[in-house]
Amino acid sequence: MSPAYGWQRSFEEAVLETDRSRLPILIRAAHAAIDARIEQLKHDQPASAEERQAIADALASLRVLKREADSN
């Protein structure tokens, strides 16, 4: 199944990574992809309610993942 939004690929790579040493890089990449999409939405048409919720959920998940990665 392919991601519904372009930024989701980076997010999925971070969430599915099993090598803890790679997590910080993948978390930053996912966050950058989401930030780029948020910036794009400021200048383009507004995101759908579904994408806005998906972005909020992904950012919350990245915060948890980063906290877990930092504690190891």
PDB file of N, CA and C in Angstrom:
ATOM      1  N   MET A   1       0.843  -1.184   0.000  1.00  0.00           N
ATOM      2  CA  MET A   1       0.000   0.000   0.000  1.00  0.00           C
ATOM      3  C   MET A   1       0.883   1.240   0.000  1.00  0.00           C
ATOM      4  N   SER A   2       0.657   2.129  -0.925  1.00  0.00           N
ATOM      5  CA  SER A   2       1.479   3.336  -0.996  1.00  0.00           C
ATOM      6  C   SER A   2       0.892   4.412  -0.081  1.00  0.00           C
ATOM      7  N   PRO A   3       1.763   5.302   0.397  1.00  0.00           N
ATOM      8  CA  PRO A   3       1.289   6.365   1.289  1.00  0.00           C
ATOM      9  C   PRO A   3       0.297   7.286   0.583  1.00  0.00           C
ATOM     10  N   ALA A   4      -0.650   7.794   1.345  1.00  0.00           N
ATOM     11  CA  ALA A   4      -1.649   8.696   0.787  1.00  0.00           C
ATOM     12  C   ALA A   4      -1.076  10.090   0.547  1.00  0.00           C
ATOM     13  N   TYR A   5      -0.080  10.469   1.334  1.00  0.00           N
ATOM     14  CA  TYR A   5       0.534  11.794   1.242  1.00  0.00           C
ATOM     15  C   TYR A   5       2.042  11.629   1.053  1.00  0.00           C
ATOM     16  N   GLY A   6       2.644  12.538   0.321  1.00  0.00           N
ATOM     17  CA  GLY A   6       4.059  12.441   0.010  1.00  0.00           C
ATOM     18  C   GLY A   6       4.964  12.360   1.237  1.00  0.00           C
ATOM     19  N   TRP A   7       4.641  13.085   2.278  1.00  0.00           N
ATOM     20  CA  TRP A   7       5.478  13.106   3.473  1.00  0.00           C
ATOM     21  C   TRP A   7       5.403  11.800   4.265  1.00  0.00           C
ATOM     22  N   GLN A   8       4.405  10.984   3.995  1.00  0.00           N
ATOM     23  CA  GLN A   8       4.222   9.758   4.777  1.00  0.00           C
ATOM     24  C   GLN A   8       5.318   8.730   4.566  1.00  0.00           C
ATOM     25  N   ARG A   9       5.949   8.716   3.416  1.00  0.00           N
ATOM     26  CA  ARG A   9       7.010   7.736   3.170  1.00  0.00           C
ATOM     27  C   ARG A   9       8.140   7.924   4.181  1.00  0.00           C
ATOM     28  N   SER A  10       8.568   9.162   4.379  1.00  0.00           N
ATOM     29  CA  SER A  10       9.628   9.440   5.351  1.00  0.00           C
ATOM     30  C   SER A  10       9.179   9.076   6.764  1.00  0.00           C
ATOM     31  N   PHE A  11       7.937   9.386   7.079  1.00  0.00           N
ATOM     32  CA  PHE A  11       7.392   9.059   8.394  1.00  0.00           C
ATOM     33  C   PHE A  11       7.398   7.544   8.608  1.00  0.00           C
ATOM     34  N   GLU A  12       6.930   6.796   7.622  1.00  0.00           N
ATOM     35  CA  GLU A  12       6.888   5.341   7.745  1.00  0.00           C
ATOM     36  C   GLU A  12       8.279   4.748   7.884  1.00  0.00           C
ATOM     37  N   GLU A  13       9.254   5.298   7.170  1.00  0.00           N
ATOM     38  CA  GLU A  13      10.628   4.806   7.299  1.00  0.00           C
ATOM     39  C   GLU A  13      11.129   4.963   8.730  1.00  0.00           C
ATOM     40  N   ALA A  14      10.814   6.083   9.353  1.00  0.00           N
ATOM     41  CA  ALA A  14      11.243   6.312  10.734  1.00  0.00           C
ATOM     42  C   ALA A  14      10.539   5.352  11.688  1.00  0.00           C
ATOM     43  N   VAL A  15       9.246   5.213  11.528  1.00  0.00           N
ATOM     44  CA  VAL A  15       8.466   4.373  12.443  1.00  0.00           C
ATOM     45  C   VAL A  15       8.847   2.896  12.321  1.00  0.00           C
ATOM     46  N   LEU A  16       9.170   2.457  11.120  1.00  0.00           N
ATOM     47  CA  LEU A  16       9.457   1.046  10.896  1.00  0.00           C
ATOM     48  C   LEU A  16      10.925   0.677  11.087  1.00  0.00           C
ATOM     49  N   GLU A  17      11.779   1.662  11.303  1.00  0.00           N
ATOM     50  CA  GLU A  17      13.220   1.395  11.447  1.00  0.00           C
ATOM     51  C   GLU A  17      13.494   0.587  12.709  1.00  0.00           C
ATOM     52  N   THR A  18      14.288  -0.465  12.573  1.00  0.00           N
ATOM     53  CA  THR A  18      14.657  -1.286  13.729  1.00  0.00           C
ATOM     54  C   THR A  18      16.070  -1.004  14.213  1.00  0.00           C
ATOM     55  N   ASP A  19      16.867  -0.341  13.397  1.00  0.00           N
ATOM     56  CA  ASP A  19      18.233   0.013  13.781  1.00  0.00           C
ATOM     57  C   ASP A  19      18.192   1.333  14.550  1.00  0.00           C
ATOM     58  N   ARG A  20      18.325   1.262  15.873  1.00  0.00           N
ATOM     59  CA  ARG A  20      18.213   2.436  16.734  1.00  0.00           C
ATOM     60  C   ARG A  20      19.235   3.519  16.394  1.00  0.00           C
ATOM     61  N   SER A  21      20.365   3.140  15.829  1.00  0.00           N
ATOM     62  CA  SER A  21      21.387   4.144  15.493  1.00  0.00           C
ATOM     63  C   SER A  21      20.957   5.033  14.328  1.00  0.00           C
ATOM     64  N   ARG A  22      20.043   4.552  13.514  1.00  0.00           N
ATOM     65  CA  ARG A  22      19.558   5.332  12.364  1.00  0.00           C
ATOM     66  C   ARG A  22      18.352   6.200  12.698  1.00  0.00           C
ATOM     67  N   LEU A  23      17.715   5.934  13.821  1.00  0.00           N
ATOM     68  CA  LEU A  23      16.477   6.643  14.157  1.00  0.00           C
ATOM     69  C   LEU A  23      16.594   8.163  14.166  1.00  0.00           C
ATOM     70  N   PRO A  24      17.605   8.755  14.807  1.00  0.00           N
ATOM     71  CA  PRO A  24      17.657  10.228  14.822  1.00  0.00           C
ATOM     72  C   PRO A  24      17.636  10.849  13.426  1.00  0.00           C
ATOM     73  N   ILE A  25      18.359  10.248  12.499  1.00  0.00           N
ATOM     74  CA  ILE A  25      18.407  10.772  11.126  1.00  0.00           C
ATOM     75  C   ILE A  25      17.036  10.642  10.461  1.00  0.00           C
ATOM     76  N   LEU A  26      16.408   9.499  10.632  1.00  0.00           N
ATOM     77  CA  LEU A  26      15.112   9.268   9.995  1.00  0.00           C
ATOM     78  C   LEU A  26      14.014  10.113  10.626  1.00  0.00           C
ATOM     79  N   ILE A  27      14.095  10.326  11.927  1.00  0.00           N
ATOM     80  CA  ILE A  27      13.120  11.196  12.595  1.00  0.00           C
ATOM     81  C   ILE A  27      13.242  12.620  12.069  1.00  0.00           C
ATOM     82  N   ARG A  28      14.482  13.101  11.954  1.00  0.00           N
ATOM     83  CA  ARG A  28      14.688  14.458  11.413  1.00  0.00           C
ATOM     84  C   ARG A  28      14.187  14.561   9.975  1.00  0.00           C
ATOM     85  N   ALA A  29      14.446  13.535   9.172  1.00  0.00           N
ATOM     86  CA  ALA A  29      13.990  13.547   7.775  1.00  0.00           C
ATOM     87  C   ALA A  29      12.464  13.562   7.697  1.00  0.00           C
ATOM     88  N   ALA A  30      11.815  12.778   8.530  1.00  0.00           N
ATOM     89  CA  ALA A  30      10.350  12.746   8.541  1.00  0.00           C
ATOM     90  C   ALA A  30       9.788  14.092   8.978  1.00  0.00           C
ATOM     91  N   HIS A  31      10.389  14.660  10.007  1.00  0.00           N
ATOM     92  CA  HIS A  31       9.928  15.959  10.500  1.00  0.00           C
ATOM     93  C   HIS A  31      10.120  17.029   9.425  1.00  0.00           C
ATOM     94  N   ALA A  32      11.239  16.978   8.719  1.00  0.00           N
ATOM     95  CA  ALA A  32      11.502  17.944   7.649  1.00  0.00           C
ATOM     96  C   ALA A  32      10.483  17.801   6.518  1.00  0.00           C
ATOM     97  N   ALA A  33      10.132  16.571   6.174  1.00  0.00           N
ATOM     98  CA  ALA A  33       9.133  16.342   5.120  1.00  0.00           C
ATOM     99  C   ALA A  33       7.774  16.902   5.534  1.00  0.00           C
ATOM    100  N   ILE A  34       7.412  16.690   6.791  1.00  0.00           N
ATOM    101  CA  ILE A  34       6.135  17.215   7.282  1.00  0.00           C
ATOM    102  C   ILE A  34       6.180  18.737   7.332  1.00  0.00           C
ATOM    103  N   ASP A  35       7.285  19.297   7.822  1.00  0.00           N
ATOM    104  CA  ASP A  35       7.420  20.759   7.866  1.00  0.00           C
ATOM    105  C   ASP A  35       7.316  21.367   6.469  1.00  0.00           C
ATOM    106  N   ALA A  36       7.928  20.699   5.489  1.00  0.00           N
ATOM    107  CA  ALA A  36       7.866  21.197   4.110  1.00  0.00           C
ATOM    108  C   ALA A  36       6.418  21.180   3.604  1.00  0.00           C
ATOM    109  N   ARG A  37       5.689  20.134   3.951  1.00  0.00           N
ATOM    110  CA  ARG A  37       4.287  20.061   3.533  1.00  0.00           C
ATOM    111  C   ARG A  37       3.459  21.145   4.217  1.00  0.00           C
ATOM    112  N   ILE A  38       3.709  21.372   5.491  1.00  0.00           N
ATOM    113  CA  ILE A  38       2.989  22.433   6.209  1.00  0.00           C
ATOM    114  C   ILE A  38       3.271  23.781   5.557  1.00  0.00           C
ATOM    115  N   GLU A  39       4.524  24.034   5.207  1.00  0.00           N
ATOM    116  CA  GLU A  39       4.892  25.292   4.540  1.00  0.00           C
ATOM    117  C   GLU A  39       4.199  25.400   3.186  1.00  0.00           C
ATOM    118  N   GLN A  40       4.156  24.293   2.452  1.00  0.00           N
ATOM    119  CA  GLN A  40       3.494  24.278   1.150  1.00  0.00           C
ATOM    120  C   GLN A  40       2.003  24.605   1.305  1.00  0.00           C
ATOM    121  N   LEU A  41       1.396  24.084   2.340  1.00  0.00           N
ATOM    122  CA  LEU A  41      -0.031  24.321   2.555  1.00  0.00           C
ATOM    123  C   LEU A  41      -0.336  25.779   2.858  1.00  0.00           C
ATOM    124  N   LYS A  42       0.644  26.512   3.375  1.00  0.00           N
ATOM    125  CA  LYS A  42       0.446  27.940   3.647  1.00  0.00           C
ATOM    126  C   LYS A  42       0.274  28.731   2.357  1.00  0.00           C
ATOM    127  N   HIS A  43       0.841  28.209   1.265  1.00  0.00           N
ATOM    128  CA  HIS A  43       0.838  28.932  -0.004  1.00  0.00           C
ATOM    129  C   HIS A  43      -0.106  28.324  -1.041  1.00  0.00           C
ATOM    130  N   ASP A  44      -0.547  27.105  -0.807  1.00  0.00           N
ATOM    131  CA  ASP A  44      -1.427  26.408  -1.749  1.00  0.00           C
ATOM    132  C   ASP A  44      -2.816  26.274  -1.141  1.00  0.00           C
ATOM    133  N   GLN A  45      -3.567  25.400  -1.724  1.00  0.00           N
ATOM    134  CA  GLN A  45      -4.895  25.106  -1.191  1.00  0.00           C
ATOM    135  C   GLN A  45      -4.768  24.483   0.195  1.00  0.00           C
ATOM    136  N   PRO A  46      -5.734  24.669   1.026  1.00  0.00           N
ATOM    137  CA  PRO A  46      -5.672  24.082   2.363  1.00  0.00           C
ATOM    138  C   PRO A  46      -5.731  22.554   2.307  1.00  0.00           C
ATOM    139  N   ALA A  47      -5.130  21.937   3.287  1.00  0.00           N
ATOM    140  CA  ALA A  47      -5.160  20.477   3.373  1.00  0.00           C
ATOM    141  C   ALA A  47      -6.562  20.019   3.745  1.00  0.00           C
ATOM    142  N   SER A  48      -6.854  18.798   3.379  1.00  0.00           N
ATOM    143  CA  SER A  48      -8.129  18.215   3.785  1.00  0.00           C
ATOM    144  C   SER A  48      -8.096  17.982   5.295  1.00  0.00           C
ATOM    145  N   ALA A  49      -9.245  17.813   5.861  1.00  0.00           N
ATOM    146  CA  ALA A  49      -9.317  17.512   7.297  1.00  0.00           C
ATOM    147  C   ALA A  49      -8.569  16.218   7.600  1.00  0.00           C
ATOM    148  N   GLU A  50      -8.634  15.261   6.689  1.00  0.00           N
ATOM    149  CA  GLU A  50      -7.938  13.986   6.896  1.00  0.00           C
ATOM    150  C   GLU A  50      -6.431  14.178   6.919  1.00  0.00           C
ATOM    151  N   GLU A  51      -5.904  15.002   5.997  1.00  0.00           N
ATOM    152  CA  GLU A  51      -4.452  15.215   5.993  1.00  0.00           C
ATOM    153  C   GLU A  51      -4.024  16.004   7.220  1.00  0.00           C
ATOM    154  N   ARG A  52      -4.790  17.006   7.617  1.00  0.00           N
ATOM    155  CA  ARG A  52      -4.441  17.759   8.832  1.00  0.00           C
ATOM    156  C   ARG A  52      -4.369  16.835  10.044  1.00  0.00           C
ATOM    157  N   GLN A  53      -5.320  15.915  10.143  1.00  0.00           N
ATOM    158  CA  GLN A  53      -5.309  14.959  11.261  1.00  0.00           C
ATOM    159  C   GLN A  53      -4.130  14.006  11.141  1.00  0.00           C
ATOM    160  N   ALA A  54      -3.839  13.547   9.931  1.00  0.00           N
ATOM    161  CA  ALA A  54      -2.708  12.647   9.713  1.00  0.00           C
ATOM    162  C   ALA A  54      -1.394  13.334  10.084  1.00  0.00           C
ATOM    163  N   ILE A  55      -1.255  14.612   9.757  1.00  0.00           N
ATOM    164  CA  ILE A  55      -0.059  15.368  10.118  1.00  0.00           C
ATOM    165  C   ILE A  55       0.051  15.480  11.638  1.00  0.00           C
ATOM    166  N   ALA A  56      -1.035  15.821  12.291  1.00  0.00           N
ATOM    167  CA  ALA A  56      -1.020  15.939  13.755  1.00  0.00           C
ATOM    168  C   ALA A  56      -0.660  14.603  14.395  1.00  0.00           C
ATOM    169  N   ASP A  57      -1.228  13.527  13.905  1.00  0.00           N
ATOM    170  CA  ASP A  57      -0.926  12.197  14.448  1.00  0.00           C
ATOM    171  C   ASP A  57       0.534  11.813  14.214  1.00  0.00           C
ATOM    172  N   ALA A  58       1.034  12.104  13.022  1.00  0.00           N
ATOM    173  CA  ALA A  58       2.422  11.772  12.702  1.00  0.00           C
ATOM    174  C   ALA A  58       3.387  12.560  13.584  1.00  0.00           C
ATOM    175  N   LEU A  59       3.127  13.839  13.787  1.00  0.00           N
ATOM    176  CA  LEU A  59       4.004  14.647  14.640  1.00  0.00           C
ATOM    177  C   LEU A  59       3.990  14.139  16.077  1.00  0.00           C
ATOM    178  N   ALA A  60       2.831  13.732  16.563  1.00  0.00           N
ATOM    179  CA  ALA A  60       2.748  13.166  17.917  1.00  0.00           C
ATOM    180  C   ALA A  60       3.536  11.863  17.998  1.00  0.00           C
ATOM    181  N   SER A  61       3.422  11.041  16.988  1.00  0.00           N
ATOM    182  CA  SER A  61       4.171   9.778  16.962  1.00  0.00           C
ATOM    183  C   SER A  61       5.675  10.022  16.900  1.00  0.00           C
ATOM    184  N   LEU A  62       6.095  11.008  16.118  1.00  0.00           N
ATOM    185  CA  LEU A  62       7.525  11.320  16.037  1.00  0.00           C
ATOM    186  C   LEU A  62       8.057  11.813  17.376  1.00  0.00           C
ATOM    187  N   ARG A  63       7.250  12.583  18.111  1.00  0.00           N
ATOM    188  CA  ARG A  63       7.672  13.043  19.444  1.00  0.00           C
ATOM    189  C   ARG A  63       7.903  11.849  20.371  1.00  0.00           C
ATOM    190  N   VAL A  64       7.003  10.886  20.348  1.00  0.00           N
ATOM    191  CA  VAL A  64       7.147   9.690  21.185  1.00  0.00           C
ATOM    192  C   VAL A  64       8.367   8.895  20.741  1.00  0.00           C
ATOM    193  N   LEU A  65       8.525   8.699  19.459  1.00  0.00           N
ATOM    194  CA  LEU A  65       9.654   7.945  18.928  1.00  0.00           C
ATOM    195  C   LEU A  65      10.975   8.610  19.297  1.00  0.00           C
ATOM    196  N   LYS A  66      11.023   9.933  19.210  1.00  0.00           N
ATOM    197  CA  LYS A  66      12.246  10.667  19.568  1.00  0.00           C
ATOM    198  C   LYS A  66      12.546  10.522  21.055  1.00  0.00           C
ATOM    199  N   ARG A  67      11.515  10.622  21.876  1.00  0.00           N
ATOM    200  CA  ARG A  67      11.703  10.449  23.316  1.00  0.00           C
ATOM    201  C   ARG A  67      12.254   9.060  23.628  1.00  0.00           C
ATOM    202  N   GLU A  68      11.695   8.041  22.986  1.00  0.00           N
ATOM    203  CA  GLU A  68      12.165   6.672  23.195  1.00  0.00           C
ATOM    204  C   GLU A  68      13.602   6.492  22.697  1.00  0.00           C
ATOM    205  N   ALA A  69      13.921   7.066  21.544  1.00  0.00           N
ATOM    206  CA  ALA A  69      15.268   6.970  20.994  1.00  0.00           C
ATOM    207  C   ALA A  69      16.275   7.679  21.886  1.00  0.00           C
ATOM    208  N   ASP A  70      15.878   8.824  22.443  1.00  0.00           N
ATOM    209  CA  ASP A  70      16.764   9.591  23.315  1.00  0.00           C
ATOM    210  C   ASP A  70      17.012   8.901  24.652  1.00  0.00           C
ATOM    211  N   SER A  71      16.063   8.078  25.088  1.00  0.00           N
ATOM    212  CA  SER A  71      16.212   7.421  26.386  1.00  0.00           C
ATOM    213  C   SER A  71      17.075   6.170  26.313  1.00  0.00           C
ATOM    214  N   ASN A  72      17.388   5.706  25.124  1.00  0.00           N
ATOM    215  CA  ASN A  72      18.225   4.508  24.963  1.00  0.00           C
ATOM    216  C   ASN A  72      19.664   4.843  24.792  1.00  0.00           C
TER     217      ASN A  72
END
